[in-house]
Amino acid sequence: MNEEALTRLQQIQRNALDVQAAMTAMQLQPRPSEERGTDPSGCVAVVVDSGGLPSFIEVTVGWQRHLAAEDLARSVLLAFQEAVAEATRAWSESFDFDAWRSRAEAARAEARDGGAPPLHLEQVQSGGSTDPSALTEEVLRALKTARDQAAAPLITSTGRGGDRAVSITLALGGLQACTIDSRWAARQGASALNAALAEALEEARFAMEEQAAQRRTEAQSVDDLTREALATLAGFQDLNQLPRER
């Protein structure tokens, strides 16, 4: 393998390790358990959990004096956005940058010191092909598979309540949409609205949890593929140092 190709592969490996270390450190930073937000009228409140999903939606008694029925759904979205902003603010204010740097350095060291075992290199040294082109193709194939799985369609789930007059659509990490039949809502008090919103939210969250469990399994496969690719890249250095056949 020529020196330029080896240098480029080593740089790819270093960049991948740095990204992986940074993501690990960020994921270890605790997030607020819950945050609350309200819409500008103060009539709609939304609580988000640590994953950024709404866990509670409430419309206050007497909302009709401050909101038109057709504005209720938009107010739910505005309250959600405020709750997410509050959660982000709380998380950033509590962020320990010194601890983050320490965790990032530890993650990098672990990855470089054997976090990804050189599976392909062992195969090469035990008699497999030492053709750099073949190894490069293997790395690219693994990374393409990981990329394709990571680019899978966004998980969404929709729940309905109030005889389908209310719908809540969730995506991983947040509230994607809310609809409320304005003619139905105009005839309802806060109690009926809250019951319908709770029903829709519970149904959407249940479906989301089922899909998220499946995606976690798929993510583990992506993780394994990426590790395998990084291990092959790590092996290029040793492979380049193998004695050449005469």
Protein backbone atom coordinates (compact mmCIF):
# COMPACT_ATOMS: atom_id res chain seq x y z
CA MET A 1 0.00 0.00 0.00
CA ASN A 2 1.46 3.41 -0.87
CA GLU A 3 2.18 5.95 1.86
CA GLU A 4 -0.50 8.42 0.75
CA ALA A 5 -3.30 5.85 0.88
CA LEU A 6 -2.18 4.64 4.30
CA THR A 7 -2.06 8.20 5.65
CA ARG A 8 -5.59 8.89 4.39
CA LEU A 9 -6.92 5.70 5.98
CA GLN A 10 -5.25 6.54 9.30
CA GLN A 11 -6.83 10.00 9.21
CA ILE A 12 -10.26 8.44 8.58
CA GLN A 13 -9.68 6.17 11.56
CA ARG A 14 -8.65 9.07 13.84
CA ASN A 15 -11.67 11.14 12.80
CA ALA A 16 -14.04 8.23 13.36
CA LEU A 17 -12.58 7.57 16.80
CA ASP A 18 -12.90 11.24 17.77
CA VAL A 19 -16.53 11.38 16.65
CA GLN A 20 -17.32 8.17 18.49
CA ALA A 21 -15.62 9.48 21.66
CA ALA A 22 -17.46 12.79 21.51
CA MET A 23 -20.84 11.09 21.04
CA THR A 24 -20.15 8.76 23.97
CA ALA A 25 -19.25 11.65 26.24
CA MET A 26 -22.32 13.66 25.25
CA GLN A 27 -24.61 10.69 25.86
CA LEU A 28 -23.20 10.28 29.38
CA GLN A 29 -24.18 13.84 30.31
CA PRO A 30 -27.33 13.59 32.49
CA ARG A 31 -30.43 15.28 31.12
CA PRO A 32 -33.20 16.90 33.14
CA SER A 33 -35.81 14.33 34.14
CA GLU A 34 -38.71 16.65 33.23
CA GLU A 35 -39.31 20.21 32.08
CA ARG A 36 -42.53 22.14 31.65
CA GLY A 37 -43.50 24.70 29.02
CA THR A 38 -46.59 26.76 28.28
CA ASP A 39 -47.96 28.48 25.20
CA PRO A 40 -48.05 32.33 25.06
CA SER A 41 -51.63 32.41 26.38
CA GLY A 42 -50.72 30.30 29.40
CA CYS A 43 -53.71 28.05 28.73
CA VAL A 44 -51.80 25.00 27.46
CA ALA A 45 -48.97 23.28 29.29
CA VAL A 46 -46.73 20.43 28.13
CA VAL A 47 -44.23 18.42 30.18
CA VAL A 48 -41.36 16.66 28.37
CA ASP A 49 -39.40 13.73 29.73
CA SER A 50 -35.63 13.20 29.61
CA GLY A 51 -35.91 11.81 26.08
CA GLY A 52 -37.63 14.94 24.78
CA LEU A 53 -41.03 13.30 24.35
CA PRO A 54 -44.17 14.89 25.83
CA SER A 55 -45.32 12.99 28.92
CA PHE A 56 -48.22 15.25 29.91
CA ILE A 57 -50.45 17.78 28.12
CA GLU A 58 -52.96 19.97 29.93
CA VAL A 59 -55.47 22.61 28.92
CA THR A 60 -56.56 24.93 31.72
CA VAL A 61 -60.14 25.59 32.78
CA GLY A 62 -61.53 28.66 31.03
CA TRP A 63 -59.31 28.32 28.00
CA GLN A 64 -62.16 29.59 25.78
CA ARG A 65 -61.69 33.12 27.12
CA HIS A 66 -58.13 33.27 25.79
CA LEU A 67 -57.93 30.88 22.84
CA ALA A 68 -60.00 30.13 19.77
CA ALA A 69 -60.75 26.44 19.29
CA GLU A 70 -58.86 26.41 15.99
CA ASP A 71 -55.71 27.59 17.81
CA LEU A 72 -55.60 24.78 20.37
CA ALA A 73 -53.43 22.39 18.36
CA ARG A 74 -50.91 25.12 17.53
CA SER A 75 -50.81 26.07 21.22
CA VAL A 76 -49.93 22.48 22.13
CA LEU A 77 -46.99 22.63 19.72
CA LEU A 78 -45.88 26.02 21.08
CA ALA A 79 -46.02 24.73 24.66
CA PHE A 80 -43.98 21.70 23.63
CA GLN A 81 -41.35 23.91 21.99
CA GLU A 82 -41.11 26.00 25.16
CA ALA A 83 -40.68 22.85 27.29
CA VAL A 84 -37.88 21.61 25.01
CA ALA A 85 -36.20 25.03 25.18
CA GLU A 86 -36.36 24.93 28.98
CA ALA A 87 -34.91 21.40 29.02
CA THR A 88 -32.09 22.44 26.68
CA ARG A 89 -31.35 25.50 28.80
CA ALA A 90 -31.24 23.44 32.00
CA TRP A 91 -29.02 20.84 30.36
CA SER A 92 -26.55 23.39 28.98
CA GLU A 93 -26.34 25.25 32.29
CA SER A 94 -25.52 22.03 34.14
CA PHE A 95 -23.04 20.80 31.53
CA ASP A 96 -19.68 19.97 33.10
CA PHE A 97 -17.14 20.74 30.39
CA ASP A 98 -14.17 19.46 32.41
CA ALA A 99 -15.90 16.13 32.98
CA TRP A 100 -16.89 16.05 29.30
CA ARG A 101 -13.26 16.48 28.21
CA SER A 102 -12.12 13.77 30.62
CA ARG A 103 -14.74 11.33 29.37
CA ALA A 104 -13.92 12.14 25.76
CA GLU A 105 -10.21 11.50 26.32
CA ALA A 106 -10.98 8.25 28.15
CA ALA A 107 -13.26 7.11 25.32
CA ARG A 108 -10.59 7.88 22.72
CA ALA A 109 -7.95 6.02 24.72
CA GLU A 110 -10.20 3.00 25.17
CA ALA A 111 -10.99 2.88 21.47
CA ARG A 112 -7.33 3.20 20.46
CA ASP A 113 -6.08 0.71 23.06
CA GLY A 114 -8.32 -2.15 22.03
CA GLY A 115 -11.92 -0.99 22.18
CA ALA A 116 -12.35 -2.47 18.70
CA PRO A 117 -10.51 -5.80 18.28
CA PRO A 118 -8.73 -6.17 14.90
CA LEU A 119 -10.93 -8.98 13.62
CA HIS A 120 -9.97 -8.65 9.97
CA LEU A 121 -6.27 -8.31 10.69
CA GLU A 122 -6.28 -11.68 12.49
CA GLN A 123 -7.88 -13.23 9.43
CA VAL A 124 -5.26 -11.66 7.21
CA GLN A 125 -2.34 -12.84 9.38
CA SER A 126 -3.74 -16.37 9.55
CA GLY A 127 -3.56 -16.78 5.81
CA GLY A 128 -6.30 -14.58 4.34
CA SER A 129 -5.86 -12.07 1.57
CA THR A 130 -3.40 -9.21 2.15
CA ASP A 131 -4.66 -7.31 -0.85
CA PRO A 132 -5.26 -3.67 0.29
CA SER A 133 -7.95 -3.25 -2.35
CA ALA A 134 -9.90 -6.19 -0.94
CA LEU A 135 -9.60 -4.84 2.58
CA THR A 136 -10.64 -1.36 1.49
CA GLU A 137 -13.69 -2.82 -0.26
CA GLU A 138 -14.57 -4.68 2.94
CA VAL A 139 -14.35 -1.49 5.01
CA LEU A 140 -16.46 0.50 2.54
CA ARG A 141 -19.08 -2.26 2.43
CA ALA A 142 -19.41 -2.29 6.21
CA LEU A 143 -19.61 1.50 6.41
CA LYS A 144 -22.19 1.65 3.61
CA THR A 145 -24.37 -0.87 5.45
CA ALA A 146 -24.08 1.19 8.61
CA ARG A 147 -24.92 4.38 6.73
CA ASP A 148 -27.94 2.83 5.02
CA GLN A 149 -29.34 1.58 8.32
CA ALA A 150 -28.70 4.94 10.02
CA ALA A 151 -30.59 6.67 7.18
CA ALA A 152 -33.69 4.54 7.72
CA PRO A 153 -37.01 6.42 7.69
CA LEU A 154 -37.80 8.43 10.80
CA ILE A 155 -39.83 6.50 13.35
CA THR A 156 -43.21 8.11 13.95
CA SER A 157 -46.29 7.00 15.84
CA THR A 158 -49.75 8.53 16.01
CA GLY A 159 -52.32 8.18 18.77
CA ARG A 160 -55.94 9.35 18.74
CA GLY A 161 -58.47 10.28 21.39
CA GLY A 162 -61.88 11.86 21.84
CA ASP A 163 -63.49 9.66 19.18
CA ARG A 164 -60.58 10.54 16.86
CA ALA A 165 -61.15 14.27 17.23
CA VAL A 166 -57.64 14.62 18.66
CA SER A 167 -54.40 13.17 17.30
CA ILE A 168 -50.83 13.28 18.56
CA THR A 169 -47.90 12.29 16.34
CA LEU A 170 -44.53 11.59 17.95
CA ALA A 171 -41.12 11.10 16.40
CA LEU A 172 -37.95 10.00 18.17
CA GLY A 173 -37.01 12.98 20.29
CA GLY A 174 -40.19 15.02 20.10
CA LEU A 175 -43.73 15.96 19.24
CA GLN A 176 -44.09 16.11 15.48
CA ALA A 177 -47.74 17.07 15.05
CA CYS A 178 -51.00 17.68 16.89
CA THR A 179 -54.48 18.02 15.44
CA ILE A 180 -57.69 18.95 17.26
CA ASP A 181 -61.05 19.16 15.53
CA SER A 182 -62.02 22.76 16.22
CA ARG A 183 -65.78 22.15 15.95
CA TRP A 184 -65.53 19.32 18.45
CA ALA A 185 -63.23 21.30 20.76
CA ALA A 186 -65.57 24.31 20.80
CA ARG A 187 -68.17 22.14 22.57
CA GLN A 188 -65.76 20.73 25.16
CA GLY A 189 -64.50 21.89 28.50
CA ALA A 190 -60.96 21.45 29.80
CA SER A 191 -61.72 18.05 31.35
CA ALA A 192 -62.88 16.45 28.09
CA LEU A 193 -60.00 17.99 26.14
CA ASN A 194 -57.45 16.76 28.64
CA ALA A 195 -58.92 13.25 28.61
CA ALA A 196 -58.74 13.13 24.80
CA LEU A 197 -55.19 14.48 24.74
CA ALA A 198 -54.09 11.97 27.40
CA GLU A 199 -55.65 9.11 25.45
CA ALA A 200 -53.96 10.13 22.21
CA LEU A 201 -50.60 10.70 23.92
CA GLU A 202 -50.68 7.34 25.69
CA GLU A 203 -51.42 5.50 22.45
CA ALA A 204 -48.67 7.34 20.57
CA ARG A 205 -46.10 6.74 23.31
CA PHE A 206 -46.90 3.03 23.48
CA ALA A 207 -46.40 2.62 19.74
CA MET A 208 -43.23 4.72 19.88
CA GLU A 209 -41.72 2.55 22.63
CA GLU A 210 -42.33 -0.60 20.59
CA GLN A 211 -40.68 0.89 17.51
CA ALA A 212 -37.82 2.35 19.55
CA ALA A 213 -37.02 -1.10 20.97
CA GLN A 214 -36.75 -2.46 17.45
CA ARG A 215 -34.57 0.46 16.37
CA ARG A 216 -32.25 -0.12 19.35
CA THR A 217 -31.68 -3.67 18.15
CA GLU A 218 -30.91 -2.36 14.66
CA ALA A 219 -28.61 0.32 16.12
CA GLN A 220 -26.61 -2.38 17.89
CA SER A 221 -26.06 -4.06 14.52
CA VAL A 222 -24.89 -0.74 13.07
CA ASP A 223 -22.55 -0.34 16.05
CA ASP A 224 -21.05 -3.77 15.45
CA LEU A 225 -20.57 -3.07 11.75
CA THR A 226 -18.88 0.27 12.46
CA ARG A 227 -16.61 -1.36 15.04
CA GLU A 228 -15.68 -4.00 12.50
CA ALA A 229 -14.85 -1.35 9.92
CA LEU A 230 -12.74 0.61 12.40
CA ALA A 231 -10.91 -2.57 13.37
CA THR A 232 -10.02 -3.17 9.72
CA LEU A 233 -8.76 0.40 9.38
CA ALA A 234 -6.70 -0.07 12.53
CA GLY A 235 -5.20 -3.17 10.97
CA PHE A 236 -3.89 -1.36 7.93
CA GLN A 237 -0.92 -0.02 9.90
CA ASP A 238 0.16 -3.51 10.96
CA LEU A 239 -0.65 -4.89 7.55
CA ASN A 240 1.63 -2.33 5.95
CA GLN A 241 4.43 -3.56 8.20
CA LEU A 242 4.03 -7.26 7.32
CA PRO A 243 7.12 -8.67 5.55
CA ARG A 244 6.61 -8.72 1.79
CA GLU A 245 6.89 -12.05 -0.01
CA ARG A 246 9.91 -12.32 -2.24
